Structures are given as C-alpha cells and as structure tokens.
Amino acid sequence: MMWLHGSGERMRGFSMIAFARVVCAALMLTLATSTVFAQDPDPVAALAAAADPLDEWDIAMSTGAAAGYVPDTACALCHDDKAQSFKAMGMAKSFYRPSPDKIIEDFENNHYYHAPTDRHYEMELRGQDYWFRRYQIADDGARINLFEQKVDWILGSGHHTRVYIFRTNDGMMFQLPLAWYSQDGKWGMGPGFETLPHPGVTRTVKRQCMFCHNAFPDVASGSDAYAMPEHFPEDLPEGIGCQRCHGPGAEHAGLALQDEAPLAAIRAAIVNPSKLPREKLYSICYGCHMQPIVAVPGVRRFGRDAYSFRPGEDLRDFVAQMDVEATNRPRRERFEINHHPYRLEQSTCFIKSEGKLGCLTCHDPHVKITPDQRAGHYRAACLTCHATDGAGLPLATTAARTPPRLIRRSRRMPIAPAATCPRGGRRT
C-alpha cells in the first residue's frame, strides 16, 4: 500500500510538472508563431501554413510528369467571361469523348467506299456510342473481313474535320481510318489514309501527337520520357485548356482563393503571355503551329520529357525544328499542315515589321471571330500598320503577281492567295 500511495504522489507530481511544461510550450509556440507572421516579409510563405484552399474547394491538382495543373473549371471561378468565350475556340474542342450533344456527323449517310483498299467503312451511332465498322464484300454479296470497334475519343474540333480514336486495355490508343469533313459535310479517309500503303486500324497515337491536341494528362514522372511505352490513362483531359498557354495554375488558384493573398503574388504565380518577351511569347504558339515540313518533324531535345515544356520557356530549349531545301519547290511555295507561322515569317508584312507582326496581332486566343465579323476584324488588324487614302481605303502598292499554283484549289486543301492573309489558309 505504501508503494501504491508513494506511486500516486509521484504520479500526481509528474502530472503537475507535465501540465506546466505543456502550458509553457503552448505560450512559447504562440509567441514564436506571432513573431514569424509579424516579421515574415513573404506573405505567400505565411499563407502556406494555412489550410489548402484547393482541398477546401475540392479542386484536384495533377502530380507526376505534369504537376501543378488544375481543371479548367477552377480557372472559370474567376475568369468566367474568358472561359465561356474560349469554349467556341477549336482548341477547347480539340479532344473529347463522343456524346449525343456533340454530334455534327451525318449518320444517315454514313457509308464510305475506299477503292484503293477495296474496303467499306461506316460510322454508326448506337445509343450514345460511336461504332466504327470496316468490311469487304464477297462475290456472293456477303460481308467478309468484318472489323468493329467502339470509339473512345474524338480528336479535332469539327470546325474542319474529326478523326476517331480507340484505346486498348493496356493504355495504347489508335486512330481509325475514317474521318468526318465538316466543310464538305461528308465522310472520307482521314489524312494519311487516302492512298496505299496505310496502317489500317494500327496507327498509334503518340505523346507527340497529344502534346498539341490536348491538355497534359496526369501521369507518373518519367513515364513520358524517350523510349517509354506510348500508354495513356483511361481518364484524360478534354481539350486544350487555359494552362497550356498560362502554365500550371494550382499555385495561382490557391492564392486567388485566399482573401489575404496580395494581388501581386497572385499575378506572379501564373504566366501572362502578353508580358513575355517575343521569343518566349511565340514559343507558346510555335510549339504546335510551327512545323516547317511534315516529313521531318521537330526533334525533342534529349533530357526533355514529352510533357516538360512550360509557357515562359524558349521553345528552342525544348525542340529542334527541321526544315529542308527542296530542289523542285522553293520554300515560299511550300504549304503544309501547321504552316501558319512558317508562312507568316516569309511574308512581306512580317519582314517589313522587323518581327513585330505576330499571332496576337490578328488573333485573340480567347475569342472566336464569327464569319460575319471576319472582314472587319482582320481589316482593322491590317490597318494598325497600313495607311489609308482619303476615302479610307488601304493604299495599294505594287507587288509581284501571285504564282498560279498558290491560288489553285485542290479537292481537299484549298489554298488562299497570300494577299488574303500573311500566313495563307488551308483546311487542315
């Protein structure tokens, strides 16, 4: 009993000492914390100790190879006007799942016969799903060599064309050979499938394709390196979003959702392309719209993973662009896919402006110019540099006649005269 009584006294003494220590520690922590917040010159660092506003708003943030990205809906919380207008842009509709509310195709006249392969192609709507079908016709009229595949993704805004993608269980994606051409309102073989040989249903969708056709996916670090399998997760972003031009938005959104964050810190946490030097500004556009020649694509520099480019970098540090000198066709007469800045930088307007003319001279990436607005909009852009006469008309200058081959119209790829627009125009 004496041992129990003595132990109790010791326990009570220990409890009082422990309690006193806890109180002292709490007071010291309070004083220390107050001192830190009072003296810390960096308010952003002080706010980092607070609860994560992204969690509070249930906003997911990507990790891994492309870390720090948030859903575009987070951007719309503060920038709803730009988010709404951007929805009409082709970039916002570059990649998405099929659904009845996105149908623009003619499923009544859904058959296309390709003579070079002697194969029939169809796209069918089954409930809410798109189904691709390929077959041949035997001598007795029966369908043979039938292949059917559900479409998992649509690539292309539909302003010009749409192509169709399916994904295998191991994460590989393949392009189907049938395409929808919106301007003609009919089905046809996709680009690269018109002639033989073509890859049938085995054309692999690669990361370098998706780099320009979609926002970055949430994948593990290193999985986008050279020689890694071309695998994609089942869930992917839908369309090129705000952050492909403005950079990862998690830090920016996290600060913007805190009332105490200084405005300067909020703005510094995101890329404003208009504030960048010209080379870095147009590195954003040129990353996808500059391709001097289709046959020799640019080469990503060693040590750079597929999803490692960020707005604000110089594109030349990420990719080495290739060009050729064709003996039978001068550079100024070549017109290929993704030739917008390639042609622009050969134009008299660009050369005479000493490089001041650029994509944003004529284009606002947030706003789609409707057909009835185009003439006035682009005329106003031209007149920011060009003078007018007394009647308000642009002063005419003497120029060489446009080569006939630049104004010819092909079956699928009409070419506009260079005078229409410094970069020209084409369908795909």
Protein backbone atom coordinates (compact mmCIF):
# COMPACT_ATOMS: atom_id res chain seq x y z
CA MET A 1 0.00 0.00 0.00
CA MET A 2 2.88 2.34 0.81
CA TRP A 3 4.27 1.64 -2.67
CA LEU A 4 0.90 2.40 -4.24
CA HIS A 5 0.49 5.56 -2.17
CA GLY A 6 4.00 6.73 -2.95
CA SER A 7 3.49 6.00 -6.62
CA GLY A 8 0.32 8.05 -6.62
CA GLU A 9 2.15 11.01 -5.10
CA ARG A 10 4.88 10.68 -7.69
CA MET A 11 2.28 10.43 -10.48
CA ARG A 12 0.45 13.50 -9.21
CA GLY A 13 3.76 15.38 -9.05
CA PHE A 14 4.67 14.27 -12.57
CA SER A 15 1.25 15.30 -13.89
CA MET A 16 1.58 18.80 -12.45
CA ILE A 17 5.09 19.18 -13.88
CA ALA A 18 3.96 17.87 -17.29
CA PHE A 19 0.99 20.21 -17.29
CA ALA A 20 3.21 23.18 -16.50
CA ARG A 21 5.56 22.21 -19.32
CA VAL A 22 2.69 21.94 -21.80
CA VAL A 23 1.40 25.40 -20.82
CA CYS A 24 4.86 26.91 -21.22
CA ALA A 25 5.35 25.21 -24.56
CA ALA A 26 1.99 26.49 -25.82
CA LEU A 27 2.84 30.05 -24.75
CA MET A 28 6.24 29.86 -26.42
CA LEU A 29 4.71 28.45 -29.63
CA THR A 30 2.11 31.22 -29.70
CA LEU A 31 4.76 33.90 -29.24
CA ALA A 32 7.00 32.30 -31.87
CA THR A 33 4.18 31.98 -34.38
CA SER A 34 3.11 35.56 -33.81
CA THR A 35 6.67 36.71 -34.30
CA VAL A 36 7.04 34.76 -37.55
CA PHE A 37 3.86 36.16 -39.06
CA ALA A 38 4.68 39.66 -37.89
CA GLN A 39 8.24 39.62 -39.21
CA ASP A 40 7.98 37.32 -42.25
CA PRO A 41 8.38 39.59 -45.31
CA ASP A 42 6.87 36.95 -47.60
CA PRO A 43 3.09 36.77 -47.08
CA VAL A 44 2.83 33.85 -49.52
CA ALA A 45 5.06 31.74 -47.29
CA ALA A 46 2.92 32.64 -44.28
CA LEU A 47 -0.23 31.61 -46.11
CA ALA A 48 1.32 28.23 -46.92
CA ALA A 49 0.74 27.19 -43.32
CA ALA A 50 -2.99 27.71 -43.70
CA ALA A 51 -5.41 25.04 -44.87
CA ASP A 52 -5.03 24.23 -48.56
CA PRO A 53 -7.76 26.19 -50.38
CA LEU A 54 -7.70 23.72 -53.28
CA ASP A 55 -8.79 20.99 -50.85
CA GLU A 56 -11.44 23.24 -49.37
CA TRP A 57 -12.85 23.92 -52.84
CA ASP A 58 -12.45 20.25 -53.86
CA ILE A 59 -10.10 21.19 -56.73
CA ALA A 60 -7.84 18.36 -57.85
CA MET A 61 -4.18 19.05 -58.67
CA SER A 62 -2.08 16.94 -61.01
CA THR A 63 1.16 15.33 -59.88
CA GLY A 64 3.92 13.42 -61.64
CA ALA A 65 5.18 14.34 -65.11
CA ALA A 66 2.94 17.40 -65.45
CA ALA A 67 2.50 18.56 -61.87
CA GLY A 68 0.58 21.57 -60.63
CA TYR A 69 -2.26 21.64 -63.17
CA VAL A 70 -5.90 22.04 -62.11
CA PRO A 71 -9.17 21.51 -64.00
CA ASP A 72 -10.16 24.43 -66.22
CA THR A 73 -13.32 24.80 -64.14
CA ALA A 74 -11.06 26.24 -61.43
CA CYS A 75 -9.95 28.98 -63.83
CA ALA A 76 -13.58 29.77 -64.63
CA LEU A 77 -14.30 30.61 -60.98
CA CYS A 78 -12.63 33.98 -61.55
CA HIS A 79 -12.35 34.22 -65.34
CA ASP A 80 -15.80 33.08 -66.40
CA ASP A 81 -16.06 35.53 -69.31
CA LYS A 82 -12.91 34.20 -70.96
CA ALA A 83 -13.84 30.60 -70.10
CA GLN A 84 -17.22 30.97 -71.82
CA SER A 85 -15.86 32.61 -74.97
CA PHE A 86 -12.99 30.12 -75.17
CA LYS A 87 -15.48 27.24 -75.41
CA ALA A 88 -16.17 28.24 -79.02
CA MET A 89 -12.49 28.03 -79.97
CA GLY A 90 -11.18 24.99 -81.80
CA MET A 91 -8.51 24.48 -79.13
CA ALA A 92 -11.18 23.99 -76.47
CA LYS A 93 -12.75 21.25 -78.61
CA SER A 94 -9.58 19.51 -79.74
CA PHE A 95 -10.15 16.23 -77.86
CA TYR A 96 -13.22 14.83 -76.13
CA ARG A 97 -15.41 11.81 -75.57
CA PRO A 98 -18.25 11.15 -78.04
CA SER A 99 -21.68 12.15 -76.79
CA PRO A 100 -25.07 12.90 -78.35
CA ASP A 101 -24.79 16.62 -77.59
CA LYS A 102 -21.62 16.85 -79.72
CA ILE A 103 -22.95 15.17 -82.86
CA ILE A 104 -22.23 17.02 -86.10
CA GLU A 105 -21.83 13.99 -88.39
CA ASP A 106 -24.38 12.57 -90.84
CA PHE A 107 -25.20 9.10 -89.52
CA GLU A 108 -27.87 8.55 -92.17
CA ASN A 109 -25.32 8.69 -94.98
CA ASN A 110 -22.57 7.01 -93.01
CA HIS A 111 -21.00 4.76 -95.66
CA TYR A 112 -17.71 5.34 -97.48
CA TYR A 113 -16.09 3.01 -100.02
CA HIS A 114 -12.32 3.23 -100.46
CA ALA A 115 -11.38 1.81 -103.85
CA PRO A 116 -7.59 1.52 -103.30
CA THR A 117 -8.16 -0.92 -100.42
CA ASP A 118 -11.47 -2.33 -101.71
CA ARG A 119 -12.94 -1.79 -98.28
CA HIS A 120 -16.15 -0.29 -96.97
CA TYR A 121 -16.15 1.99 -93.94
CA GLU A 122 -19.05 3.09 -91.77
CA MET A 123 -19.61 5.03 -88.56
CA GLU A 124 -22.75 4.15 -86.64
CA LEU A 125 -24.45 5.74 -83.64
CA ARG A 126 -25.59 3.10 -81.16
CA GLY A 127 -27.37 4.77 -78.30
CA GLN A 128 -24.82 7.29 -77.03
CA ASP A 129 -21.81 5.50 -78.52
CA TYR A 130 -19.99 5.81 -81.84
CA TRP A 131 -19.10 2.49 -83.50
CA PHE A 132 -16.68 2.10 -86.40
CA ARG A 133 -17.13 -0.71 -88.94
CA ARG A 134 -14.85 -1.93 -91.74
CA TYR A 135 -15.61 -4.79 -94.13
CA GLN A 136 -15.32 -6.15 -97.65
CA ILE A 137 -17.97 -7.61 -99.96
CA ALA A 138 -17.57 -11.16 -101.26
CA ASP A 139 -18.63 -12.25 -104.74
CA ASP A 140 -21.92 -13.52 -103.36
CA GLY A 141 -22.64 -10.14 -101.71
CA ALA A 142 -21.88 -11.26 -98.16
CA ARG A 143 -19.85 -9.07 -95.81
CA ILE A 144 -16.47 -10.55 -95.01
CA ASN A 145 -13.39 -9.48 -93.03
CA LEU A 146 -15.62 -7.53 -90.68
CA PHE A 147 -13.96 -5.36 -88.02
CA GLU A 148 -15.94 -3.32 -85.49
CA GLN A 149 -14.64 -1.05 -82.76
CA LYS A 150 -16.24 1.33 -80.29
CA VAL A 151 -14.86 4.88 -80.48
CA ASP A 152 -13.42 6.11 -77.19
CA TRP A 153 -12.27 9.60 -78.16
CA ILE A 154 -12.79 12.20 -80.88
CA LEU A 155 -9.80 14.26 -82.00
CA GLY A 156 -10.47 17.53 -83.81
CA SER A 157 -12.83 20.41 -83.12
CA GLY A 158 -15.07 19.64 -86.08
CA HIS A 159 -14.58 23.13 -87.50
CA HIS A 160 -12.72 21.39 -90.31
CA THR A 161 -12.51 17.70 -89.54
CA ARG A 162 -12.84 15.00 -86.91
CA VAL A 163 -10.91 11.76 -86.54
CA TYR A 164 -11.68 8.91 -84.16
CA ILE A 165 -9.59 7.13 -81.53
CA PHE A 166 -9.93 3.89 -79.62
CA ARG A 167 -7.99 2.81 -76.53
CA THR A 168 -6.90 -0.73 -75.65
CA ASN A 169 -6.95 -2.17 -72.13
CA ASP A 170 -3.20 -1.67 -71.76
CA GLY A 171 -3.50 2.07 -72.44
CA MET A 172 -2.42 2.29 -76.08
CA MET A 173 -4.52 4.44 -78.41
CA PHE A 174 -5.03 4.04 -82.16
CA GLN A 175 -6.53 6.24 -84.86
CA LEU A 176 -9.28 4.80 -87.03
CA PRO A 177 -9.02 5.48 -90.79
CA LEU A 178 -12.44 7.12 -91.30
CA ALA A 179 -12.86 10.88 -90.82
CA TRP A 180 -15.65 13.43 -90.95
CA TYR A 181 -15.04 16.52 -93.11
CA SER A 182 -17.27 19.30 -91.84
CA GLN A 183 -16.82 21.76 -94.69
CA ASP A 184 -17.83 19.13 -97.25
CA GLY A 185 -20.40 17.55 -94.95
CA LYS A 186 -19.32 14.01 -95.74
CA TRP A 187 -17.21 11.05 -94.66
CA GLY A 188 -13.80 10.28 -96.11
CA MET A 189 -10.47 8.71 -95.36
CA GLY A 190 -8.50 10.50 -92.68
CA PRO A 191 -5.34 12.43 -93.55
CA GLY A 192 -2.63 9.92 -94.45
CA PHE A 193 -5.12 7.12 -95.15
CA GLU A 194 -6.15 8.20 -98.65
CA THR A 195 -3.57 6.14 -100.53
CA LEU A 196 -1.70 2.88 -100.11
CA PRO A 197 0.03 1.77 -98.08
CA HIS A 198 -1.70 2.99 -94.94
CA PRO A 199 -1.72 1.50 -91.42
CA GLY A 200 -5.39 0.49 -91.32
CA VAL A 201 -6.50 0.47 -87.69
CA THR A 202 -2.97 0.27 -86.27
CA ARG A 203 -1.82 3.89 -86.45
CA THR A 204 -0.50 4.55 -82.95
CA VAL A 205 -1.45 7.78 -81.21
CA LYS A 206 1.77 9.06 -79.67
CA ARG A 207 2.59 11.55 -76.98
CA GLN A 208 3.97 13.96 -79.55
CA CYS A 209 0.52 13.94 -81.20
CA MET A 210 -1.31 14.51 -77.93
CA PHE A 211 1.13 17.26 -76.95
CA CYS A 212 -0.62 19.54 -79.43
CA HIS A 213 -4.10 18.05 -79.42
CA ASN A 214 -4.90 18.05 -75.71
CA ALA A 215 -4.02 19.27 -72.25
CA PHE A 216 -1.33 17.30 -70.42
CA PRO A 217 -2.52 14.11 -68.70
CA ASP A 218 -1.86 13.24 -65.07
CA VAL A 219 0.81 10.51 -65.43
CA ALA A 220 3.76 9.33 -63.36
CA SER A 221 7.07 11.16 -63.50
CA GLY A 222 9.35 9.69 -66.15
CA SER A 223 6.57 7.87 -67.98
CA ASP A 224 6.75 10.49 -70.76
CA ALA A 225 10.49 10.05 -71.36
CA TYR A 226 12.05 8.82 -74.57
CA ALA A 227 11.54 5.07 -75.21
CA MET A 228 8.79 4.74 -72.61
CA PRO A 229 5.61 2.92 -73.81
CA GLU A 230 3.05 5.13 -75.51
CA HIS A 231 0.40 4.50 -72.87
CA PHE A 232 -2.39 6.83 -71.75
CA PRO A 233 -4.64 6.66 -68.69
CA GLU A 234 -8.33 5.92 -69.11
CA ASP A 235 -9.25 9.39 -67.86
CA LEU A 236 -7.80 12.22 -69.92
CA PRO A 237 -8.41 15.97 -70.09
CA GLU A 238 -10.87 17.08 -72.73
CA GLY A 239 -9.38 19.75 -74.94
CA ILE A 240 -6.54 22.23 -74.84
CA GLY A 241 -7.21 24.41 -71.83
CA CYS A 242 -6.08 27.63 -70.21
CA GLN A 243 -2.90 26.21 -68.73
CA ARG A 244 -1.30 25.14 -71.99
CA CYS A 245 -0.68 28.85 -72.58
CA HIS A 246 -0.63 30.16 -69.00
CA GLY A 247 1.27 27.35 -67.27
CA PRO A 248 0.29 25.21 -64.27
CA GLY A 249 -2.42 27.01 -62.32
CA ALA A 250 -2.51 25.30 -58.92
CA GLU A 251 -0.40 27.89 -57.07
CA HIS A 252 -2.22 30.77 -58.78
CA ALA A 253 -5.67 29.33 -57.97
CA GLY A 254 -4.65 28.51 -54.40
CA LEU A 255 -3.58 32.09 -53.75
CA ALA A 256 -6.57 33.60 -55.55
CA LEU A 257 -8.96 31.65 -53.32
CA GLN A 258 -7.41 33.20 -50.19
CA ASP A 259 -8.61 36.69 -49.30
CA GLU A 260 -5.32 37.57 -47.63
CA ALA A 261 -3.07 36.90 -50.64
CA PRO A 262 -1.59 40.04 -52.21
CA LEU A 263 -2.65 40.73 -55.79
CA ALA A 264 0.97 40.93 -56.93
CA ALA A 265 1.65 37.43 -55.60
CA ILE A 266 -1.47 36.04 -57.30
CA ARG A 267 -0.41 37.50 -60.65
CA ALA A 268 3.19 36.35 -60.26
CA ALA A 269 2.02 32.75 -59.78
CA ILE A 270 0.74 32.41 -63.36
CA VAL A 271 2.16 33.17 -66.81
CA ASN A 272 0.66 36.13 -68.64
CA PRO A 273 1.84 35.52 -72.22
CA SER A 274 1.36 39.17 -73.20
CA LYS A 275 4.05 40.13 -70.66
CA LEU A 276 6.65 37.75 -72.10
CA PRO A 277 9.47 38.73 -74.48
CA ARG A 278 8.58 37.99 -78.08
CA GLU A 279 10.62 34.80 -78.42
CA LYS A 280 9.05 33.29 -75.32
CA LEU A 281 5.57 34.55 -76.16
CA TYR A 282 5.57 32.93 -79.59
CA SER A 283 7.29 29.84 -78.27
CA ILE A 284 3.84 29.04 -76.86
CA CYS A 285 2.14 29.30 -80.26
CA TYR A 286 5.00 27.87 -82.30
CA GLY A 287 5.20 24.77 -80.13
CA CYS A 288 2.19 23.42 -82.02
CA HIS A 289 1.66 25.71 -85.02
CA MET A 290 5.21 25.79 -86.38
CA GLN A 291 6.13 22.71 -88.38
CA PRO A 292 8.37 23.62 -91.32
CA ILE A 293 7.90 20.24 -93.01
CA VAL A 294 5.60 17.34 -92.17
CA ALA A 295 8.01 14.71 -93.45
CA VAL A 296 10.72 15.75 -90.95
CA PRO A 297 9.08 16.66 -87.62
CA GLY A 298 10.96 18.55 -84.96
CA VAL A 299 13.06 16.51 -82.55
CA ARG A 300 12.55 16.86 -78.80
CA ARG A 301 15.88 17.53 -77.15
CA PHE A 302 17.43 14.76 -75.12
CA GLY A 303 16.73 15.15 -71.44
CA ARG A 304 13.36 16.76 -72.12
CA ASP A 305 10.30 14.63 -71.44
CA ALA A 306 7.19 14.96 -73.60
CA TYR A 307 5.17 16.97 -71.06
CA SER A 308 8.04 19.08 -69.72
CA PHE A 309 7.55 22.27 -71.73
CA ARG A 310 6.10 25.19 -69.77
CA PRO A 311 4.92 28.59 -71.01
CA GLY A 312 7.65 31.14 -70.43
CA GLU A 313 10.40 28.88 -71.78
CA ASP A 314 12.18 29.31 -75.09
CA LEU A 315 10.89 26.63 -77.45
CA ARG A 316 14.39 26.10 -78.83
CA ASP A 317 15.39 24.64 -75.49
CA PHE A 318 12.67 22.01 -75.87
CA VAL A 319 12.65 21.02 -79.54
CA ALA A 320 14.93 21.35 -82.57
CA GLN A 321 12.83 22.24 -85.62
CA MET A 322 13.80 20.82 -89.01
CA ASP A 323 13.48 22.31 -92.48
CA VAL A 324 14.51 21.22 -95.95
CA GLU A 325 15.52 22.89 -99.17
CA ALA A 326 13.58 21.14 -101.95
CA THR A 327 15.28 21.41 -105.35
CA ASN A 328 11.98 21.35 -107.20
CA ARG A 329 9.96 23.67 -104.95
CA PRO A 330 11.12 26.89 -103.26
CA ARG A 331 10.28 27.41 -99.58
CA ARG A 332 7.85 30.23 -100.40
CA GLU A 333 5.74 27.85 -102.48
CA ARG A 334 5.50 25.05 -99.93
CA PHE A 335 2.27 24.98 -97.95
CA GLU A 336 1.75 22.17 -95.47
CA ILE A 337 -0.07 21.37 -92.23
CA ASN A 338 0.91 23.62 -89.32
CA HIS A 339 2.49 26.15 -91.66
CA HIS A 340 0.87 29.22 -90.08
CA PRO A 341 3.97 30.89 -88.57
CA TYR A 342 6.25 29.31 -91.18
CA ARG A 343 4.36 31.16 -93.89
CA LEU A 344 3.84 34.24 -91.74
CA GLU A 345 7.57 34.75 -91.22
CA GLN A 346 8.11 34.67 -95.01
CA SER A 347 5.51 37.37 -95.59
CA THR A 348 6.35 40.94 -96.54
CA CYS A 349 4.30 42.15 -93.59
CA PHE A 350 6.41 40.21 -91.10
CA ILE A 351 9.72 41.15 -92.71
CA LYS A 352 8.88 44.86 -93.01
CA SER A 353 7.65 44.95 -89.42
CA GLU A 354 11.03 43.57 -88.31
CA GLY A 355 9.29 40.77 -86.43
CA LYS A 356 6.75 42.94 -84.62
CA LEU A 357 3.89 41.27 -86.50
CA GLY A 358 2.85 38.08 -84.74
CA CYS A 359 -0.01 35.73 -83.97
CA LEU A 360 -1.63 38.11 -81.49
CA THR A 361 -1.66 40.96 -83.99
CA CYS A 362 -4.70 39.34 -85.59
CA HIS A 363 -5.81 36.63 -83.16
CA ASP A 364 -7.23 36.66 -79.65
CA PRO A 365 -6.90 33.03 -78.46
CA HIS A 366 -9.87 33.51 -76.13
CA VAL A 367 -12.37 34.70 -78.76
CA LYS A 368 -13.68 33.09 -81.95
CA ILE A 369 -14.32 35.56 -84.75
CA THR A 370 -17.61 34.70 -86.46
CA PRO A 371 -17.85 34.71 -90.26
CA ASP A 372 -19.78 37.98 -90.34
CA GLN A 373 -17.11 39.67 -88.19
CA ARG A 374 -14.03 38.44 -90.04
CA ALA A 375 -13.70 41.07 -92.75
CA GLY A 376 -13.96 43.99 -90.33
CA HIS A 377 -11.82 42.35 -87.68
CA TYR A 378 -8.89 41.47 -89.93
CA ARG A 379 -9.13 44.73 -91.86
CA ALA A 380 -8.76 46.59 -88.56
CA ALA A 381 -5.74 44.44 -87.72
CA CYS A 382 -4.12 45.28 -91.06
CA LEU A 383 -4.79 48.99 -90.59
CA THR A 384 -2.86 49.05 -87.33
CA CYS A 385 0.19 49.17 -89.63
CA HIS A 386 -1.05 50.14 -93.08
CA ALA A 387 -2.10 53.66 -94.09
CA THR A 388 -5.33 54.56 -95.87
CA ASP A 389 -6.12 57.08 -98.57
CA GLY A 390 -8.59 59.95 -98.38
CA ALA A 391 -11.51 57.57 -98.90
CA GLY A 392 -10.43 55.36 -96.01
CA LEU A 393 -9.18 52.58 -98.29
CA PRO A 394 -5.80 50.86 -97.85
CA LEU A 395 -3.10 52.34 -100.03
CA ALA A 396 -2.28 49.95 -102.87
CA THR A 397 1.32 49.00 -103.53
CA THR A 398 2.92 47.29 -106.49
CA ALA A 399 3.57 43.60 -105.87
CA ALA A 400 4.53 40.61 -107.95
CA ARG A 401 1.67 38.52 -109.27
CA THR A 402 0.76 35.62 -107.02
CA PRO A 403 2.06 32.35 -108.56
CA PRO A 404 -0.87 30.38 -110.04
CA ARG A 405 -0.05 27.26 -108.05
CA LEU A 406 -0.58 29.19 -104.81
CA ILE A 407 -4.15 30.06 -105.69
CA ARG A 408 -5.25 26.74 -107.16
CA ARG A 409 -7.90 24.83 -105.27
CA SER A 410 -7.35 21.13 -104.67
CA ARG A 411 -10.03 18.61 -103.79
CA ARG A 412 -9.36 18.79 -100.07
CA MET A 413 -6.87 21.53 -99.37
CA PRO A 414 -7.79 24.89 -100.94
CA ILE A 415 -5.02 27.49 -100.92
CA ALA A 416 -5.83 31.15 -100.39
CA PRO A 417 -3.76 33.90 -102.04
CA ALA A 418 -1.06 35.21 -99.77
CA ALA A 419 -2.62 38.68 -100.08
CA THR A 420 -5.67 37.43 -98.21
CA CYS A 421 -3.66 36.75 -95.08
CA PRO A 422 0.08 36.77 -94.47
CA ARG A 423 0.00 33.10 -93.48
CA GLY A 424 -2.43 31.92 -96.20
CA GLY A 425 -5.14 29.40 -95.45
CA ARG A 426 -5.99 25.72 -95.72
CA ARG A 427 -8.43 23.24 -94.31
CA THR A 428 -6.24 21.01 -92.13
